[in-house]
């Protein structure tokens, strides 16, 4: 399923993974297998979704499954609500603290699906991120400001 537009009128305009203090910016198509966004262990991240609708949608839900090394690490369903045709609508999901420690390092693949109240798929999306070691306190890397919002 196309990550940006479906015949139902749902258009995913932007999907960005934000770290503390960032705003949801950037638009445009995302590659099928994007390079993973690098995030430090323990970072607080928020998924920002921006979409348009060609028709009214009741019971819009975003469900994502996080996979690492072929194993499902987590699955989460978020009820977004009802929306009238139009937009763009910008939704920020609940902030999440990334895991810490060497066991958490690696690449995570996240598959997301948008459905309506009848569980009909409207669109799907895919993103990848890599959890890396956090910079040591006081290091040059720790003193630099964070990266721009990463479209994922």
N, C-alpha and C. Protein backbone atom coordinates (compact mmCIF):
# COMPACT_ATOMS: atom_id res chain seq x y z
N UNK A 1 0.84 -1.17 0.00
CA UNK A 1 0.00 0.00 0.00
C UNK A 1 0.89 1.24 0.00
N UNK A 2 0.52 2.22 -0.78
CA UNK A 2 1.29 3.46 -0.89
C UNK A 2 1.28 4.18 0.45
N UNK A 3 2.46 4.60 0.89
CA UNK A 3 2.57 5.26 2.19
C UNK A 3 2.03 6.68 2.17
N UNK A 4 1.81 7.27 0.99
CA UNK A 4 1.41 8.66 0.98
C UNK A 4 -0.05 8.89 0.57
N UNK A 5 -0.66 8.05 -0.28
CA UNK A 5 -2.03 8.30 -0.70
C UNK A 5 -2.70 6.98 -1.07
N UNK A 6 -3.99 6.86 -0.74
CA UNK A 6 -4.75 5.68 -1.10
C UNK A 6 -6.02 6.12 -1.81
N UNK A 7 -6.74 5.17 -2.41
CA UNK A 7 -7.97 5.49 -3.12
C UNK A 7 -9.07 5.95 -2.16
N UNK A 8 -8.90 5.76 -0.88
CA UNK A 8 -9.89 6.20 0.11
C UNK A 8 -9.77 7.68 0.42
N UNK A 9 -8.77 8.35 -0.11
CA UNK A 9 -8.62 9.77 0.13
C UNK A 9 -7.72 10.12 1.29
N UNK A 10 -7.10 9.14 1.93
CA UNK A 10 -6.16 9.41 3.02
C UNK A 10 -4.80 9.70 2.41
N UNK A 11 -4.21 10.83 2.77
CA UNK A 11 -2.87 11.18 2.28
C UNK A 11 -1.98 11.47 3.49
N UNK A 12 -0.94 10.65 3.66
CA UNK A 12 0.05 10.90 4.70
C UNK A 12 1.03 11.92 4.14
N UNK A 13 0.98 13.14 4.68
CA UNK A 13 1.81 14.24 4.20
C UNK A 13 3.20 14.18 4.79
N UNK A 14 3.28 13.84 6.09
CA UNK A 14 4.56 13.81 6.76
C UNK A 14 4.48 12.87 7.95
N UNK A 15 5.59 12.22 8.21
CA UNK A 15 5.76 11.40 9.40
C UNK A 15 7.16 11.72 9.90
N UNK A 16 7.26 12.33 11.07
CA UNK A 16 8.56 12.74 11.58
C UNK A 16 8.72 12.24 13.00
N UNK A 17 9.92 11.78 13.31
CA UNK A 17 10.26 11.36 14.65
C UNK A 17 11.00 12.52 15.30
N UNK A 18 10.40 13.10 16.34
CA UNK A 18 10.93 14.30 16.96
C UNK A 18 11.61 13.96 18.28
N UNK A 19 12.75 14.60 18.53
CA UNK A 19 13.37 14.50 19.84
C UNK A 19 12.99 15.76 20.61
N UNK A 20 13.34 15.84 21.86
CA UNK A 20 12.92 16.94 22.72
C UNK A 20 13.17 18.30 22.09
N UNK A 21 12.13 19.15 22.09
CA UNK A 21 12.26 20.53 21.64
C UNK A 21 12.12 20.75 20.14
N UNK A 22 11.82 19.72 19.35
CA UNK A 22 11.69 19.90 17.91
C UNK A 22 10.24 20.09 17.52
N UNK A 23 10.04 20.71 16.34
CA UNK A 23 8.72 20.87 15.78
C UNK A 23 8.59 19.96 14.57
N UNK A 24 7.36 19.62 14.22
CA UNK A 24 7.09 18.74 13.08
C UNK A 24 7.28 19.54 11.80
N UNK A 25 8.37 19.28 11.08
CA UNK A 25 8.65 20.02 9.86
C UNK A 25 9.04 19.04 8.77
N UNK A 26 9.09 19.53 7.55
CA UNK A 26 9.52 18.71 6.42
C UNK A 26 8.36 17.94 5.84
N UNK A 27 8.31 17.87 4.51
CA UNK A 27 7.27 17.12 3.83
C UNK A 27 7.89 16.39 2.67
N UNK A 28 7.05 15.68 1.96
CA UNK A 28 7.52 15.03 0.75
C UNK A 28 7.56 13.53 0.89
N UNK A 29 7.75 12.87 -0.24
CA UNK A 29 7.75 11.41 -0.24
C UNK A 29 8.94 10.84 0.51
N UNK A 30 8.74 9.69 1.09
CA UNK A 30 9.79 8.98 1.80
C UNK A 30 10.15 7.74 1.01
N UNK A 31 11.41 7.36 0.99
CA UNK A 31 11.79 6.14 0.26
C UNK A 31 11.19 4.91 0.92
N UNK A 32 11.04 3.84 0.14
CA UNK A 32 10.49 2.58 0.66
C UNK A 32 11.32 2.03 1.81
N UNK A 33 12.64 2.06 1.70
CA UNK A 33 13.54 1.59 2.76
C UNK A 33 14.49 2.72 3.12
N UNK A 34 14.00 3.66 3.91
CA UNK A 34 14.84 4.82 4.25
C UNK A 34 16.04 4.41 5.09
N UNK A 35 17.08 5.22 4.98
CA UNK A 35 18.22 5.00 5.87
C UNK A 35 17.72 5.19 7.30
N UNK A 36 18.22 4.39 8.23
CA UNK A 36 17.74 4.55 9.60
C UNK A 36 18.19 5.87 10.21
N UNK A 37 17.28 6.50 10.94
CA UNK A 37 17.58 7.71 11.69
C UNK A 37 18.33 7.27 12.94
N UNK A 38 19.44 7.93 13.27
CA UNK A 38 20.21 7.55 14.46
C UNK A 38 19.69 8.33 15.66
N UNK A 39 19.39 7.59 16.73
CA UNK A 39 18.88 8.18 17.96
C UNK A 39 19.68 7.65 19.14
N UNK A 40 20.02 8.51 20.08
CA UNK A 40 20.78 8.03 21.24
C UNK A 40 19.89 7.26 22.22
N UNK A 41 20.49 6.28 22.86
CA UNK A 41 19.77 5.52 23.88
C UNK A 41 19.16 6.47 24.90
N UNK A 42 17.98 6.14 25.39
CA UNK A 42 17.33 6.94 26.41
C UNK A 42 16.69 8.23 25.93
N UNK A 43 16.76 8.53 24.63
CA UNK A 43 16.16 9.77 24.12
C UNK A 43 14.64 9.72 24.26
N UNK A 44 14.04 10.88 24.47
CA UNK A 44 12.59 11.01 24.51
C UNK A 44 12.16 11.41 23.11
N UNK A 45 11.34 10.57 22.46
CA UNK A 45 10.93 10.82 21.08
C UNK A 45 9.40 10.85 20.98
N UNK A 46 8.93 11.62 20.01
CA UNK A 46 7.50 11.73 19.74
C UNK A 46 7.31 11.55 18.24
N UNK A 47 6.34 10.74 17.85
CA UNK A 47 6.02 10.57 16.44
C UNK A 47 4.97 11.60 16.06
N UNK A 48 5.28 12.38 15.03
CA UNK A 48 4.37 13.40 14.51
C UNK A 48 3.80 12.90 13.19
N UNK A 49 2.49 12.90 13.08
CA UNK A 49 1.80 12.46 11.86
C UNK A 49 1.04 13.65 11.28
N UNK A 50 1.23 13.91 10.00
CA UNK A 50 0.49 14.98 9.32
C UNK A 50 -0.21 14.31 8.13
N UNK A 51 -1.53 14.51 8.05
CA UNK A 51 -2.29 13.86 6.99
C UNK A 51 -3.45 14.73 6.53
N UNK A 52 -3.96 14.40 5.34
CA UNK A 52 -5.15 15.02 4.77
C UNK A 52 -6.16 13.92 4.49
N UNK A 53 -7.43 14.30 4.45
CA UNK A 53 -8.48 13.32 4.17
C UNK A 53 -9.35 13.81 3.02
N UNK A 54 -9.67 12.91 2.11
CA UNK A 54 -10.56 13.22 1.00
C UNK A 54 -12.02 13.03 1.37
N UNK A 55 -12.27 12.38 2.50
CA UNK A 55 -13.63 12.17 3.00
C UNK A 55 -13.58 12.11 4.52
N UNK A 56 -14.73 12.25 5.16
CA UNK A 56 -14.81 12.13 6.61
C UNK A 56 -14.41 10.72 7.02
N UNK A 57 -13.70 10.60 8.14
CA UNK A 57 -13.29 9.29 8.66
C UNK A 57 -13.62 9.25 10.14
N UNK A 58 -14.37 8.21 10.53
CA UNK A 58 -14.68 7.98 11.95
C UNK A 58 -13.76 6.90 12.47
N UNK A 59 -13.35 7.04 13.72
CA UNK A 59 -12.57 6.00 14.38
C UNK A 59 -11.21 5.75 13.76
N UNK A 60 -10.54 6.81 13.33
CA UNK A 60 -9.21 6.65 12.75
C UNK A 60 -8.26 6.12 13.81
N UNK A 61 -7.53 5.07 13.45
CA UNK A 61 -6.60 4.41 14.36
C UNK A 61 -5.25 4.26 13.67
N UNK A 62 -4.18 4.47 14.42
CA UNK A 62 -2.83 4.20 13.93
C UNK A 62 -2.26 3.05 14.76
N UNK A 63 -1.89 1.97 14.08
CA UNK A 63 -1.32 0.80 14.74
C UNK A 63 0.09 0.59 14.21
N UNK A 64 1.06 0.43 15.11
CA UNK A 64 2.42 0.19 14.65
C UNK A 64 3.00 -1.05 15.33
N UNK A 65 3.84 -1.71 14.56
CA UNK A 65 4.55 -2.89 15.04
C UNK A 65 6.03 -2.63 14.88
N UNK A 66 6.78 -2.77 15.97
CA UNK A 66 8.23 -2.53 15.98
C UNK A 66 8.96 -3.86 15.96
N UNK A 67 9.85 -4.02 14.98
CA UNK A 67 10.57 -5.28 14.79
C UNK A 67 12.07 -5.02 14.86
N UNK A 68 12.77 -5.91 15.57
CA UNK A 68 14.23 -5.83 15.65
C UNK A 68 14.78 -7.23 15.46
N UNK A 69 15.68 -7.38 14.51
CA UNK A 69 16.30 -8.68 14.21
C UNK A 69 15.24 -9.75 13.96
N UNK A 70 14.16 -9.38 13.27
CA UNK A 70 13.12 -10.35 12.91
C UNK A 70 12.16 -10.69 14.03
N UNK A 71 12.31 -10.08 15.20
CA UNK A 71 11.44 -10.36 16.35
C UNK A 71 10.59 -9.13 16.65
N UNK A 72 9.29 -9.34 16.85
CA UNK A 72 8.41 -8.24 17.22
C UNK A 72 8.76 -7.80 18.64
N UNK A 73 9.19 -6.55 18.77
CA UNK A 73 9.55 -5.99 20.08
C UNK A 73 8.34 -5.37 20.76
N UNK A 74 7.47 -4.75 19.97
CA UNK A 74 6.30 -4.07 20.55
C UNK A 74 5.26 -3.84 19.47
N UNK A 75 4.00 -3.81 19.88
CA UNK A 75 2.89 -3.43 19.01
C UNK A 75 2.02 -2.47 19.81
N UNK A 76 1.58 -1.41 19.16
CA UNK A 76 0.81 -0.39 19.87
C UNK A 76 -0.27 0.15 18.95
N UNK A 77 -1.47 0.33 19.51
CA UNK A 77 -2.58 0.89 18.76
C UNK A 77 -2.98 2.21 19.41
N UNK A 78 -3.12 3.25 18.60
CA UNK A 78 -3.50 4.57 19.11
C UNK A 78 -4.77 5.03 18.41
N UNK A 79 -5.81 5.28 19.20
CA UNK A 79 -7.07 5.81 18.66
C UNK A 79 -6.88 7.30 18.42
N UNK A 80 -7.04 7.74 17.16
CA UNK A 80 -6.85 9.14 16.82
C UNK A 80 -8.17 9.92 16.82
N UNK A 81 -9.30 9.24 16.54
CA UNK A 81 -10.60 9.89 16.59
C UNK A 81 -11.24 10.05 15.23
N UNK A 82 -12.25 10.91 15.17
CA UNK A 82 -12.96 11.19 13.93
C UNK A 82 -12.50 12.51 13.34
N UNK A 83 -12.43 12.55 12.00
CA UNK A 83 -11.95 13.75 11.30
C UNK A 83 -12.83 14.02 10.09
N UNK A 84 -13.05 15.29 9.81
CA UNK A 84 -13.78 15.70 8.60
C UNK A 84 -12.82 15.73 7.42
N UNK A 85 -13.36 15.65 6.22
CA UNK A 85 -12.53 15.76 5.02
C UNK A 85 -11.78 17.08 5.07
N UNK A 86 -10.53 17.06 4.64
CA UNK A 86 -9.72 18.27 4.64
C UNK A 86 -8.40 18.05 5.33
N UNK A 87 -7.94 19.09 5.97
CA UNK A 87 -6.65 19.02 6.63
C UNK A 87 -5.74 20.08 6.04
N UNK A 88 -4.48 20.06 6.33
CA UNK A 88 -3.78 18.96 6.99
C UNK A 88 -4.03 18.95 8.50
N UNK A 89 -4.09 17.74 9.03
CA UNK A 89 -4.19 17.50 10.46
C UNK A 89 -2.82 17.08 10.97
N UNK A 90 -2.42 17.61 12.12
CA UNK A 90 -1.14 17.25 12.72
C UNK A 90 -1.40 16.63 14.09
N UNK A 91 -0.93 15.40 14.25
CA UNK A 91 -1.13 14.64 15.49
C UNK A 91 0.25 14.28 16.05
N UNK A 92 0.44 14.51 17.34
CA UNK A 92 1.65 14.09 18.03
C UNK A 92 1.27 12.93 18.94
N UNK A 93 1.87 11.77 18.74
CA UNK A 93 1.60 10.63 19.60
C UNK A 93 2.27 10.82 20.95
N UNK A 94 1.93 9.98 21.89
CA UNK A 94 2.48 10.06 23.24
C UNK A 94 4.01 9.93 23.19
N UNK A 95 4.74 10.83 23.87
CA UNK A 95 6.21 10.71 23.89
C UNK A 95 6.64 9.36 24.46
N UNK A 96 7.75 8.87 23.97
CA UNK A 96 8.27 7.56 24.39
C UNK A 96 9.76 7.68 24.69
N UNK A 97 10.19 7.10 25.79
CA UNK A 97 11.60 7.08 26.14
C UNK A 97 12.21 5.83 25.52
N UNK A 98 13.25 6.00 24.71
CA UNK A 98 13.91 4.85 24.08
C UNK A 98 14.67 4.05 25.14
N UNK A 99 14.80 2.75 24.90
CA UNK A 99 15.52 1.92 25.88
C UNK A 99 16.99 2.31 25.96
N UNK A 100 17.62 1.89 27.07
CA UNK A 100 19.04 2.18 27.29
C UNK A 100 19.81 0.89 27.45
N UNK A 101 21.11 0.98 27.20
CA UNK A 101 21.99 -0.16 27.39
C UNK A 101 22.36 -0.84 26.08
N UNK A 102 23.46 -1.59 26.11
CA UNK A 102 23.97 -2.24 24.90
C UNK A 102 22.96 -3.19 24.28
N UNK A 103 22.12 -3.82 25.08
CA UNK A 103 21.13 -4.76 24.55
C UNK A 103 20.10 -4.06 23.66
N UNK A 104 19.93 -2.76 23.83
CA UNK A 104 18.95 -2.01 23.04
C UNK A 104 19.53 -1.48 21.73
N UNK A 105 20.85 -1.48 21.57
CA UNK A 105 21.48 -0.92 20.38
C UNK A 105 21.09 -1.76 19.16
N UNK A 106 20.90 -1.07 18.04
CA UNK A 106 20.60 -1.77 16.80
C UNK A 106 19.54 -1.05 15.99
N UNK A 107 19.15 -1.68 14.88
CA UNK A 107 18.17 -1.10 13.96
C UNK A 107 16.79 -1.67 14.26
N UNK A 108 15.82 -0.77 14.34
CA UNK A 108 14.43 -1.12 14.55
C UNK A 108 13.64 -0.75 13.30
N UNK A 109 12.78 -1.64 12.85
CA UNK A 109 11.89 -1.38 11.72
C UNK A 109 10.49 -1.23 12.28
N UNK A 110 9.79 -0.19 11.84
CA UNK A 110 8.46 0.08 12.35
C UNK A 110 7.49 0.12 11.18
N UNK A 111 6.48 -0.72 11.26
CA UNK A 111 5.43 -0.79 10.25
C UNK A 111 4.15 -0.22 10.87
N UNK A 112 3.60 0.81 10.23
CA UNK A 112 2.39 1.45 10.75
C UNK A 112 1.24 1.31 9.77
N UNK A 113 0.03 1.19 10.29
CA UNK A 113 -1.17 1.08 9.46
C UNK A 113 -2.24 2.01 10.03
N UNK A 114 -2.85 2.79 9.15
CA UNK A 114 -3.98 3.64 9.50
C UNK A 114 -5.25 2.92 9.08
N UNK A 115 -6.22 2.80 10.00
CA UNK A 115 -7.48 2.13 9.69
C UNK A 115 -8.64 3.01 10.14
N UNK A 116 -9.83 2.71 9.60
CA UNK A 116 -11.04 3.41 10.04
C UNK A 116 -11.75 2.55 11.07
N UNK A 117 -12.93 2.97 11.51
CA UNK A 117 -13.63 2.26 12.59
C UNK A 117 -14.05 0.85 12.22
N UNK A 118 -14.09 0.56 10.92
CA UNK A 118 -14.42 -0.80 10.46
C UNK A 118 -13.17 -1.64 10.26
N UNK A 119 -12.02 -1.11 10.70
CA UNK A 119 -10.72 -1.78 10.59
C UNK A 119 -10.25 -1.91 9.14
N UNK A 120 -10.81 -1.10 8.24
CA UNK A 120 -10.37 -1.09 6.84
C UNK A 120 -9.08 -0.30 6.76
N UNK A 121 -8.04 -0.86 6.14
CA UNK A 121 -6.78 -0.11 6.01
C UNK A 121 -6.94 1.08 5.07
N UNK A 122 -6.45 2.23 5.51
CA UNK A 122 -6.48 3.45 4.70
C UNK A 122 -5.11 3.76 4.11
N UNK A 123 -4.06 3.47 4.85
CA UNK A 123 -2.69 3.72 4.39
C UNK A 123 -1.72 2.98 5.30
N UNK A 124 -0.53 2.79 4.80
CA UNK A 124 0.52 2.19 5.63
C UNK A 124 1.77 3.03 5.51
N UNK A 125 2.65 2.87 6.47
CA UNK A 125 3.89 3.64 6.49
C UNK A 125 4.99 2.76 7.09
N UNK A 126 6.21 3.11 6.76
CA UNK A 126 7.37 2.33 7.21
C UNK A 126 8.47 3.30 7.58
N UNK A 127 9.17 3.01 8.67
CA UNK A 127 10.33 3.83 9.05
C UNK A 127 11.33 2.94 9.77
N UNK A 128 12.56 3.43 9.85
CA UNK A 128 13.62 2.69 10.54
C UNK A 128 14.41 3.67 11.39
N UNK A 129 14.86 3.18 12.53
CA UNK A 129 15.77 3.98 13.34
C UNK A 129 16.78 3.06 14.00
N UNK A 130 17.91 3.66 14.36
CA UNK A 130 19.00 2.93 15.02
C UNK A 130 19.25 3.57 16.37
N UNK A 131 19.22 2.76 17.42
CA UNK A 131 19.57 3.26 18.74
C UNK A 131 21.07 3.09 18.92
N UNK A 132 21.72 4.19 19.28
CA UNK A 132 23.17 4.20 19.45
C UNK A 132 23.51 4.64 20.88
N UNK A 133 24.77 4.50 21.22
CA UNK A 133 25.22 4.90 22.55
C UNK A 133 25.09 6.42 22.69
N UNK A 134 24.57 6.85 23.82
CA UNK A 134 24.43 8.28 24.09
C UNK A 134 25.82 8.88 24.29
N UNK A 135 26.03 10.12 23.84
CA UNK A 135 27.32 10.76 24.07
C UNK A 135 27.58 10.93 25.57
N UNK A 136 28.83 10.83 25.94
CA UNK A 136 29.20 10.99 27.35
C UNK A 136 28.93 12.43 27.78
N UNK A 137 28.43 12.64 29.01
CA UNK A 137 28.20 14.00 29.49
C UNK A 137 29.49 14.81 29.41
N UNK A 138 29.36 16.05 28.94
CA UNK A 138 30.52 16.92 28.85
C UNK A 138 31.31 16.75 27.56
N UNK A 139 30.97 15.75 26.74
CA UNK A 139 31.70 15.56 25.48
C UNK A 139 31.24 16.59 24.47
N UNK A 140 32.01 16.77 23.41
CA UNK A 140 31.67 17.72 22.36
C UNK A 140 30.34 17.36 21.71
N UNK A 141 30.09 16.08 21.47
CA UNK A 141 28.84 15.64 20.86
C UNK A 141 27.65 15.94 21.76
N UNK A 142 27.79 15.84 23.06
CA UNK A 142 26.69 16.12 23.99
C UNK A 142 26.36 17.60 24.03
N UNK A 143 27.34 18.46 23.75
CA UNK A 143 27.15 19.89 23.82
C UNK A 143 26.46 20.44 22.57
N UNK A 144 26.53 19.71 21.44
CA UNK A 144 25.93 20.19 20.21
C UNK A 144 24.41 20.08 20.28
N UNK A 145 23.69 21.00 19.59
CA UNK A 145 22.22 20.88 19.56
C UNK A 145 21.84 19.64 18.76
N UNK A 146 20.64 19.12 19.01
CA UNK A 146 20.16 17.91 18.33
C UNK A 146 19.93 18.14 16.86
N UNK A 147 19.73 17.06 16.09
CA UNK A 147 19.50 17.16 14.66
C UNK A 147 18.11 17.74 14.39
N UNK A 148 17.90 18.16 13.16
CA UNK A 148 16.59 18.64 12.76
C UNK A 148 15.60 17.50 12.85
N UNK A 149 14.32 17.82 12.82
CA UNK A 149 13.29 16.78 12.83
C UNK A 149 13.56 15.84 11.67
N UNK A 150 13.49 14.57 11.93
CA UNK A 150 13.82 13.56 10.93
C UNK A 150 12.56 12.99 10.32
N UNK A 151 12.35 13.27 9.03
CA UNK A 151 11.22 12.66 8.34
C UNK A 151 11.52 11.20 8.21
N UNK A 152 10.64 10.39 8.71
CA UNK A 152 10.86 8.94 8.69
C UNK A 152 9.70 8.23 8.07
